[in-house]
């Protein structure tokens, strides 16, 4: 064991007792978490620290030293697995998921799963690792009704949307708390490529209304996204990828 790893173990094994981790977390947490992190204690353990700081060797050594609770949550409900996913710590996540009893679906206090955090951060490698597991549910929503696909659609992340839609157990018509579907969000945000991908599926209902009675088409009209209005006005027309002169598929 290297000197740095040994020092890291000594520090992290008692992390929650002698390191003011709340100072670290107040500045880095989501705005919904910051009030919680001002409290004390944070329940931010050494394993949380290893996941947060991407110390792969130390995380592995900590797991060998003693039995850690992989589902132990800090004051905001973040588990070590969740911290690794939200910060894009691929190597640490792999180490944690190799442990018996690893539960990659565990959400924080706001209902945000590791997969949702990975989508929000654009961490594709993390997403692939999670989506390859049968014990990860791709449609889990947080307390605001946000699912990974809704998040991807809102911000036009077409590659991420495709990764999610490759899961057969994902329901693309799932709506948020306001009744807006992924198609509605993509249409309102002007995300043409995501709209194309969604319309190409038979299980997407383009005329679904939200709680205010507005469809994806109405959102596109209000936002003056002409190309999307045209696509949605003829819902039965086949949607093909955008091809360049050389045949390159720019919709991929």
C-alpha atoms as a PDB file:
ATOM      1  CA  UNK A   1       0.000   0.000   0.000  1.00  0.00           C
ATOM      2  CA  UNK A   2       1.424   3.400  -1.002  1.00  0.00           C
ATOM      3  CA  UNK A   3       2.066   6.176   1.509  1.00  0.00           C
ATOM      4  CA  UNK A   4      -0.641   8.387   0.018  1.00  0.00           C
ATOM      5  CA  UNK A   5      -3.188   5.576   0.143  1.00  0.00           C
ATOM      6  CA  UNK A   6      -2.291   4.857   3.771  1.00  0.00           C
ATOM      7  CA  UNK A   7      -2.673   8.521   4.683  1.00  0.00           C
ATOM      8  CA  UNK A   8      -5.943   8.678   2.780  1.00  0.00           C
ATOM      9  CA  UNK A   9      -7.265   5.672   4.678  1.00  0.00           C
ATOM     10  CA  UNK A  10      -6.344   7.209   8.016  1.00  0.00           C
ATOM     11  CA  UNK A  11      -8.128  10.430   7.095  1.00  0.00           C
ATOM     12  CA  UNK A  12     -11.200   8.970   5.446  1.00  0.00           C
ATOM     13  CA  UNK A  13     -11.876   6.225   7.976  1.00  0.00           C
ATOM     14  CA  UNK A  14     -12.886   8.914  10.476  1.00  0.00           C
ATOM     15  CA  UNK A  15     -14.035  11.496   7.942  1.00  0.00           C
ATOM     16  CA  UNK A  16     -17.384  12.164   9.585  1.00  0.00           C
ATOM     17  CA  UNK A  17     -15.760  12.831  12.963  1.00  0.00           C
ATOM     18  CA  UNK A  18     -12.968  15.284  12.214  1.00  0.00           C
ATOM     19  CA  UNK A  19     -13.497  16.882   8.769  1.00  0.00           C
ATOM     20  CA  UNK A  20     -16.032  19.722   8.409  1.00  0.00           C
ATOM     21  CA  UNK A  21     -17.508  18.180   5.263  1.00  0.00           C
ATOM     22  CA  UNK A  22     -20.524  20.478   5.375  1.00  0.00           C
ATOM     23  CA  UNK A  23     -18.224  23.349   4.302  1.00  0.00           C
ATOM     24  CA  UNK A  24     -17.309  21.367   1.195  1.00  0.00           C
ATOM     25  CA  UNK A  25     -20.882  20.379   0.428  1.00  0.00           C
ATOM     26  CA  UNK A  26     -22.546  23.782   0.889  1.00  0.00           C
ATOM     27  CA  UNK A  27     -20.572  25.090  -2.076  1.00  0.00           C
ATOM     28  CA  UNK A  28     -20.991  22.047  -4.293  1.00  0.00           C
ATOM     29  CA  UNK A  29     -24.483  20.757  -3.570  1.00  0.00           C
ATOM     30  CA  UNK A  30     -27.608  21.332  -5.615  1.00  0.00           C
ATOM     31  CA  UNK A  31     -29.625  24.356  -4.491  1.00  0.00           C
ATOM     32  CA  UNK A  32     -32.271  22.022  -3.051  1.00  0.00           C
ATOM     33  CA  UNK A  33     -29.585  20.440  -0.833  1.00  0.00           C
ATOM     34  CA  UNK A  34     -27.765  23.491   0.533  1.00  0.00           C
ATOM     35  CA  UNK A  35     -30.090  24.081   3.491  1.00  0.00           C
ATOM     36  CA  UNK A  36     -29.606  20.484   4.562  1.00  0.00           C
ATOM     37  CA  UNK A  37     -25.821  20.743   4.343  1.00  0.00           C
ATOM     38  CA  UNK A  38     -25.789  23.700   6.736  1.00  0.00           C
ATOM     39  CA  UNK A  39     -26.915  21.330   9.446  1.00  0.00           C
ATOM     40  CA  UNK A  40     -24.674  19.107  11.538  1.00  0.00           C
ATOM     41  CA  UNK A  41     -23.791  16.304  11.314  1.00  0.00           C
ATOM     42  CA  UNK A  42     -23.828  15.635   7.568  1.00  0.00           C
ATOM     43  CA  UNK A  43     -23.378  11.850   7.895  1.00  0.00           C
ATOM     44  CA  UNK A  44     -20.795  12.176   5.114  1.00  0.00           C
ATOM     45  CA  UNK A  45     -18.595   9.114   5.703  1.00  0.00           C
ATOM     46  CA  UNK A  46     -15.162   8.120   4.454  1.00  0.00           C
ATOM     47  CA  UNK A  47     -16.690   6.070   1.665  1.00  0.00           C
ATOM     48  CA  UNK A  48     -18.721   9.110   0.585  1.00  0.00           C
ATOM     49  CA  UNK A  49     -15.467  11.076   0.568  1.00  0.00           C
ATOM     50  CA  UNK A  50     -13.670   8.523  -1.593  1.00  0.00           C
ATOM     51  CA  UNK A  51     -16.550   8.588  -4.097  1.00  0.00           C
ATOM     52  CA  UNK A  52     -16.703  12.379  -4.047  1.00  0.00           C
ATOM     53  CA  UNK A  53     -12.970  12.934  -4.558  1.00  0.00           C
ATOM     54  CA  UNK A  54     -12.474  10.024  -7.065  1.00  0.00           C
ATOM     55  CA  UNK A  55      -9.836   8.248  -4.946  1.00  0.00           C
ATOM     56  CA  UNK A  56     -10.153   4.809  -6.549  1.00  0.00           C
ATOM     57  CA  UNK A  57      -7.379   2.939  -4.702  1.00  0.00           C
ATOM     58  CA  UNK A  58      -8.484   4.367  -1.369  1.00  0.00           C
ATOM     59  CA  UNK A  59     -12.106   3.456  -1.998  1.00  0.00           C
ATOM     60  CA  UNK A  60     -11.074  -0.138  -2.747  1.00  0.00           C
ATOM     61  CA  UNK A  61      -8.869  -0.256   0.376  1.00  0.00           C
ATOM     62  CA  UNK A  62     -11.655   1.174   2.559  1.00  0.00           C
ATOM     63  CA  UNK A  63     -13.984  -1.549   1.338  1.00  0.00           C
ATOM     64  CA  UNK A  64     -11.404  -4.220   2.215  1.00  0.00           C
ATOM     65  CA  UNK A  65     -10.831  -2.820   5.724  1.00  0.00           C
ATOM     66  CA  UNK A  66     -14.341  -3.295   7.008  1.00  0.00           C
ATOM     67  CA  UNK A  67     -17.958  -3.780   6.068  1.00  0.00           C
ATOM     68  CA  UNK A  68     -19.396  -0.474   4.866  1.00  0.00           C
ATOM     69  CA  UNK A  69     -23.063   0.236   4.353  1.00  0.00           C
ATOM     70  CA  UNK A  70     -23.237   1.097   0.648  1.00  0.00           C
ATOM     71  CA  UNK A  71     -26.704   2.553   1.212  1.00  0.00           C
ATOM     72  CA  UNK A  72     -25.568   4.862   4.036  1.00  0.00           C
ATOM     73  CA  UNK A  73     -26.828   8.311   3.125  1.00  0.00           C
ATOM     74  CA  UNK A  74     -25.610  11.777   4.027  1.00  0.00           C
ATOM     75  CA  UNK A  75     -28.048  14.408   5.253  1.00  0.00           C
ATOM     76  CA  UNK A  76     -29.323  15.031   1.699  1.00  0.00           C
ATOM     77  CA  UNK A  77     -29.776  11.321   1.029  1.00  0.00           C
ATOM     78  CA  UNK A  78     -26.698  10.850  -1.158  1.00  0.00           C
ATOM     79  CA  UNK A  79     -25.152   7.377  -0.992  1.00  0.00           C
ATOM     80  CA  UNK A  80     -21.524   6.776  -2.087  1.00  0.00           C
ATOM     81  CA  UNK A  81     -22.871   5.290  -5.330  1.00  0.00           C
ATOM     82  CA  UNK A  82     -24.972   8.361  -5.927  1.00  0.00           C
ATOM     83  CA  UNK A  83     -22.020  10.720  -5.297  1.00  0.00           C
ATOM     84  CA  UNK A  84     -19.903   8.761  -7.770  1.00  0.00           C
ATOM     85  CA  UNK A  85     -22.654   8.939 -10.408  1.00  0.00           C
ATOM     86  CA  UNK A  86     -23.470  12.620 -10.005  1.00  0.00           C
ATOM     87  CA  UNK A  87     -19.798  13.637 -10.149  1.00  0.00           C
ATOM     88  CA  UNK A  88     -18.915  11.392 -13.092  1.00  0.00           C
ATOM     89  CA  UNK A  89     -16.525   9.182 -11.089  1.00  0.00           C
ATOM     90  CA  UNK A  90     -16.576   6.162 -13.395  1.00  0.00           C
ATOM     91  CA  UNK A  91     -13.743   4.153 -11.814  1.00  0.00           C
ATOM     92  CA  UNK A  92     -15.069   4.603  -8.265  1.00  0.00           C
ATOM     93  CA  UNK A  93     -18.590   3.691  -9.365  1.00  0.00           C
ATOM     94  CA  UNK A  94     -17.332   0.424 -10.854  1.00  0.00           C
ATOM     95  CA  UNK A  95     -15.579  -0.470  -7.579  1.00  0.00           C
ATOM     96  CA  UNK A  96     -18.717   0.284  -5.559  1.00  0.00           C
ATOM     97  CA  UNK A  97     -21.032  -1.646  -7.871  1.00  0.00           C
ATOM     98  CA  UNK A  98     -18.828  -4.741  -7.607  1.00  0.00           C
ATOM     99  CA  UNK A  99     -19.685  -5.009  -3.905  1.00  0.00           C
ATOM    100  CA  UNK A 100     -22.355  -7.360  -2.621  1.00  0.00           C
ATOM    101  CA  UNK A 101     -25.527  -5.498  -1.807  1.00  0.00           C
ATOM    102  CA  UNK A 102     -24.848  -2.546  -4.102  1.00  0.00           C
ATOM    103  CA  UNK A 103     -28.153  -0.843  -4.948  1.00  0.00           C
ATOM    104  CA  UNK A 104     -27.721   1.615  -7.838  1.00  0.00           C
ATOM    105  CA  UNK A 105     -31.381   2.669  -7.793  1.00  0.00           C
ATOM    106  CA  UNK A 106     -31.304   4.295  -4.344  1.00  0.00           C
ATOM    107  CA  UNK A 107     -32.458   7.919  -4.607  1.00  0.00           C
ATOM    108  CA  UNK A 108     -31.637  10.987  -2.513  1.00  0.00           C
ATOM    109  CA  UNK A 109     -34.163  12.891  -0.401  1.00  0.00           C
ATOM    110  CA  UNK A 110     -35.515  14.656  -3.484  1.00  0.00           C
ATOM    111  CA  UNK A 111     -36.048  11.343  -5.272  1.00  0.00           C
ATOM    112  CA  UNK A 112     -33.108  11.794  -7.655  1.00  0.00           C
ATOM    113  CA  UNK A 113     -31.495   8.479  -8.600  1.00  0.00           C
ATOM    114  CA  UNK A 114     -27.864   7.954  -9.679  1.00  0.00           C
ATOM    115  CA  UNK A 115     -29.114   7.628 -13.274  1.00  0.00           C
ATOM    116  CA  UNK A 116     -30.969  10.938 -13.119  1.00  0.00           C
ATOM    117  CA  UNK A 117     -27.865  12.662 -11.731  1.00  0.00           C
ATOM    118  CA  UNK A 118     -25.718  11.092 -14.463  1.00  0.00           C
ATOM    119  CA  UNK A 119     -28.103  12.392 -17.145  1.00  0.00           C
ATOM    120  CA  UNK A 120     -28.162  15.853 -15.575  1.00  0.00           C
ATOM    121  CA  UNK A 121     -24.356  15.937 -15.631  1.00  0.00           C
ATOM    122  CA  UNK A 122     -24.052  14.488 -19.138  1.00  0.00           C
ATOM    123  CA  UNK A 123     -21.946  11.578 -17.831  1.00  0.00           C
ATOM    124  CA  UNK A 124     -22.429   9.057 -20.649  1.00  0.00           C
ATOM    125  CA  UNK A 125     -19.996   6.440 -19.330  1.00  0.00           C
ATOM    126  CA  UNK A 126     -21.803   6.427 -15.992  1.00  0.00           C
ATOM    127  CA  UNK A 127     -25.124   6.154 -17.801  1.00  0.00           C
ATOM    128  CA  UNK A 128     -23.942   3.165 -19.833  1.00  0.00           C
ATOM    129  CA  UNK A 129     -22.746   1.366 -16.703  1.00  0.00           C
ATOM    130  CA  UNK A 130     -26.076   1.953 -14.980  1.00  0.00           C
ATOM    131  CA  UNK A 131     -28.273   1.193 -17.980  1.00  0.00           C
ATOM    132  CA  UNK A 132     -26.461  -2.107 -18.530  1.00  0.00           C
ATOM    133  CA  UNK A 133     -27.728  -3.277 -15.137  1.00  0.00           C
ATOM    134  CA  UNK A 134     -31.113  -4.968 -14.791  1.00  0.00           C
ATOM    135  CA  UNK A 135     -31.546  -3.570 -11.272  1.00  0.00           C
ATOM    136  CA  UNK A 136     -31.624   0.018 -12.550  1.00  0.00           C
ATOM    137  CA  UNK A 137     -35.071   1.390 -13.376  1.00  0.00           C
ATOM    138  CA  UNK A 138     -34.729   4.006 -16.138  1.00  0.00           C
ATOM    139  CA  UNK A 139     -38.093   5.709 -15.512  1.00  0.00           C
ATOM    140  CA  UNK A 140     -37.805   6.581 -11.828  1.00  0.00           C
ATOM    141  CA  UNK A 141     -38.950  10.166 -11.244  1.00  0.00           C
ATOM    142  CA  UNK A 142     -37.889  12.615  -8.547  1.00  0.00           C
ATOM    143  CA  UNK A 143     -40.324  14.588  -6.367  1.00  0.00           C
ATOM    144  CA  UNK A 144     -40.875  17.083  -9.195  1.00  0.00           C
ATOM    145  CA  UNK A 145     -41.799  14.300 -11.596  1.00  0.00           C
ATOM    146  CA  UNK A 146     -38.508  14.586 -13.476  1.00  0.00           C
ATOM    147  CA  UNK A 147     -37.286  11.389 -15.155  1.00  0.00           C
ATOM    148  CA  UNK A 148     -33.967  10.887 -16.948  1.00  0.00           C
ATOM    149  CA  UNK A 149     -35.666  11.041 -20.367  1.00  0.00           C
ATOM    150  CA  UNK A 150     -37.601  14.197 -19.493  1.00  0.00           C
ATOM    151  CA  UNK A 151     -34.329  15.826 -18.469  1.00  0.00           C
ATOM    152  CA  UNK A 152     -32.559  14.774 -21.672  1.00  0.00           C
ATOM    153  CA  UNK A 153     -35.447  15.946 -23.842  1.00  0.00           C
ATOM    154  CA  UNK A 154     -35.629  19.354 -22.164  1.00  0.00           C
ATOM    155  CA  UNK A 155     -31.994  20.117 -22.956  1.00  0.00           C
ATOM    156  CA  UNK A 156     -31.785  18.520 -26.397  1.00  0.00           C
ATOM    157  CA  UNK A 157     -29.391  15.758 -25.384  1.00  0.00           C
ATOM    158  CA  UNK A 158     -30.231  13.494 -28.323  1.00  0.00           C
ATOM    159  CA  UNK A 159     -27.424  10.978 -27.748  1.00  0.00           C
ATOM    160  CA  UNK A 160     -28.470  10.554 -24.115  1.00  0.00           C
ATOM    161  CA  UNK A 161     -32.140  10.271 -25.107  1.00  0.00           C
ATOM    162  CA  UNK A 162     -31.234   7.459 -27.523  1.00  0.00           C
ATOM    163  CA  UNK A 163     -29.289   5.617 -24.823  1.00  0.00           C
ATOM    164  CA  UNK A 164     -32.315   5.751 -22.540  1.00  0.00           C
ATOM    165  CA  UNK A 165     -34.761   4.742 -25.274  1.00  0.00           C
ATOM    166  CA  UNK A 166     -32.685   1.635 -25.983  1.00  0.00           C
ATOM    167  CA  UNK A 167     -34.017   0.226 -22.719  1.00  0.00           C
ATOM    168  CA  UNK A 168     -37.139  -1.793 -23.502  1.00  0.00           C
ATOM    169  CA  UNK A 169     -38.622  -1.097 -20.069  1.00  0.00           C
ATOM    170  CA  UNK A 170     -38.577   2.697 -20.506  1.00  0.00           C
ATOM    171  CA  UNK A 171     -41.911   4.435 -21.102  1.00  0.00           C
ATOM    172  CA  UNK A 172     -41.380   7.498 -23.331  1.00  0.00           C
ATOM    173  CA  UNK A 173     -44.818   8.978 -22.559  1.00  0.00           C
ATOM    174  CA  UNK A 174     -44.144   9.388 -18.838  1.00  0.00           C
ATOM    175  CA  UNK A 175     -45.150  12.921 -17.815  1.00  0.00           C
ATOM    176  CA  UNK A 176     -43.867  15.293 -15.129  1.00  0.00           C
ATOM    177  CA  UNK A 177     -46.006  16.797 -12.360  1.00  0.00           C
ATOM    178  CA  UNK A 178     -47.421  19.324 -14.863  1.00  0.00           C
ATOM    179  CA  UNK A 179     -48.397  16.597 -17.296  1.00  0.00           C
ATOM    180  CA  UNK A 180     -45.676  17.422 -19.812  1.00  0.00           C
ATOM    181  CA  UNK A 181     -44.108  14.522 -21.677  1.00  0.00           C
ATOM    182  CA  UNK A 182     -40.621  14.271 -23.137  1.00  0.00           C
ATOM    183  CA  UNK A 183     -42.021  15.180 -26.560  1.00  0.00           C
ATOM    184  CA  UNK A 184     -43.741  18.242 -25.120  1.00  0.00           C
ATOM    185  CA  UNK A 185     -40.543  19.402 -23.430  1.00  0.00           C
ATOM    186  CA  UNK A 186     -38.402  18.831 -26.513  1.00  0.00           C
ATOM    187  CA  UNK A 187     -40.928  20.633 -28.727  1.00  0.00           C
ATOM    188  CA  UNK A 188     -41.175  23.617 -26.395  1.00  0.00           C
ATOM    189  CA  UNK A 189     -37.391  23.884 -26.115  1.00  0.00           C
ATOM    190  CA  UNK A 190     -36.787  23.680 -29.857  1.00  0.00           C
ATOM    191  CA  UNK A 191     -34.857  20.390 -29.674  1.00  0.00           C
ATOM    192  CA  UNK A 192     -35.527  19.147 -33.212  1.00  0.00           C
ATOM    193  CA  UNK A 193     -33.349  16.034 -33.114  1.00  0.00           C
ATOM    194  CA  UNK A 194     -34.971  14.773 -29.907  1.00  0.00           C
ATOM    195  CA  UNK A 195     -38.412  15.407 -31.412  1.00  0.00           C
ATOM    196  CA  UNK A 196     -37.409  13.329 -34.477  1.00  0.00           C
ATOM    197  CA  UNK A 197     -36.190  10.458 -32.329  1.00  0.00           C
ATOM    198  CA  UNK A 198     -39.375  10.435 -30.263  1.00  0.00           C
ATOM    199  CA  UNK A 199     -41.734  10.714 -33.242  1.00  0.00           C
ATOM    200  CA  UNK A 200     -40.006   7.761 -34.902  1.00  0.00           C
ATOM    201  CA  UNK A 201     -41.344   5.536 -32.126  1.00  0.00           C
ATOM    202  CA  UNK A 202     -44.781   3.925 -32.259  1.00  0.00           C
ATOM    203  CA  UNK A 203     -45.198   4.145 -28.482  1.00  0.00           C
ATOM    204  CA  UNK A 204     -45.023   7.960 -28.378  1.00  0.00           C
ATOM    205  CA  UNK A 205     -48.405   9.726 -28.301  1.00  0.00           C
ATOM    206  CA  UNK A 206     -47.875  13.158 -29.922  1.00  0.00           C
ATOM    207  CA  UNK A 207     -51.284  14.541 -28.937  1.00  0.00           C
ATOM    208  CA  UNK A 208     -50.978  13.972 -25.190  1.00  0.00           C
ATOM    209  CA  UNK A 209     -52.190  17.052 -23.302  1.00  0.00           C
ATOM    210  CA  UNK A 210     -50.591  18.462 -20.157  1.00  0.00           C
ATOM    211  CA  UNK A 211     -52.572  19.785 -17.176  1.00  0.00           C
ATOM    212  CA  UNK A 212     -53.277  23.035 -19.034  1.00  0.00           C
ATOM    213  CA  UNK A 213     -54.595  21.186 -22.070  1.00  0.00           C
ATOM    214  CA  UNK A 214     -51.556  21.958 -24.214  1.00  0.00           C
ATOM    215  CA  UNK A 215     -50.029  19.433 -26.603  1.00  0.00           C
ATOM    216  CA  UNK A 216     -46.464  19.277 -27.895  1.00  0.00           C
ATOM    217  CA  UNK A 217     -47.677  21.045 -31.058  1.00  0.00           C
ATOM    218  CA  UNK A 218     -49.104  23.946 -29.068  1.00  0.00           C
ATOM    219  CA  UNK A 219     -45.827  24.308 -27.161  1.00  0.00           C
ATOM    220  CA  UNK A 220     -43.896  24.410 -30.434  1.00  0.00           C
ATOM    221  CA  UNK A 221     -46.303  26.982 -31.899  1.00  0.00           C
ATOM    222  CA  UNK A 222     -46.036  29.226 -28.838  1.00  0.00           C
ATOM    223  CA  UNK A 223     -42.239  29.066 -28.950  1.00  0.00           C
ATOM    224  CA  UNK A 224     -42.241  29.667 -32.729  1.00  0.00           C
ATOM    225  CA  UNK A 225     -40.249  26.561 -33.588  1.00  0.00           C
ATOM    226  CA  UNK A 226     -41.420  26.259 -37.201  1.00  0.00           C
ATOM    227  CA  UNK A 227     -39.618  23.028 -38.125  1.00  0.00           C
ATOM    228  CA  UNK A 228     -41.017  21.253 -35.098  1.00  0.00           C
ATOM    229  CA  UNK A 229     -44.500  22.615 -35.802  1.00  0.00           C
ATOM    230  CA  UNK A 230     -44.262  21.101 -39.278  1.00  0.00           C
ATOM    231  CA  UNK A 231     -43.123  17.731 -37.913  1.00  0.00           C
ATOM    232  CA  UNK A 232     -45.922  17.605 -35.361  1.00  0.00           C
ATOM    233  CA  UNK A 233     -48.609  18.799 -37.782  1.00  0.00           C
ATOM    234  CA  UNK A 234     -48.197  15.600 -39.808  1.00  0.00           C
ATOM    235  CA  UNK A 235     -47.796  12.958 -37.069  1.00  0.00           C
ATOM    236  CA  UNK A 236     -48.226   9.991 -39.429  1.00  0.00           C
ATOM    237  CA  UNK A 237     -45.406  11.032 -41.737  1.00  0.00           C
ATOM    238  CA  UNK A 238     -42.261   8.873 -41.385  1.00  0.00           C
ATOM    239  CA  UNK A 239     -39.509  10.782 -39.615  1.00  0.00           C
ATOM    240  CA  UNK A 240     -36.114  10.263 -41.218  1.00  0.00           C
ATOM    241  CA  UNK A 241     -32.706  11.401 -39.971  1.00  0.00           C
ATOM    242  CA  UNK A 242     -31.109  14.531 -41.405  1.00  0.00           C
ATOM    243  CA  UNK A 243     -28.647  13.464 -44.117  1.00  0.00           C
ATOM    244  CA  UNK A 244     -25.762  15.523 -45.417  1.00  0.00           C
ATOM    245  CA  UNK A 245     -24.640  15.564 -49.029  1.00  0.00           C
ATOM    246  CA  UNK A 246     -22.191  12.753 -48.273  1.00  0.00           C
ATOM    247  CA  UNK A 247     -24.915  10.625 -46.701  1.00  0.00           C
ATOM    248  CA  UNK A 248     -23.800  11.305 -43.131  1.00  0.00           C
ATOM    249  CA  UNK A 249     -26.601  10.785 -40.615  1.00  0.00           C
ATOM    250  CA  UNK A 250     -26.653  13.957 -38.534  1.00  0.00           C
ATOM    251  CA  UNK A 251     -29.596  12.702 -36.511  1.00  0.00           C
ATOM    252  CA  UNK A 252     -27.487   9.995 -34.852  1.00  0.00           C
END
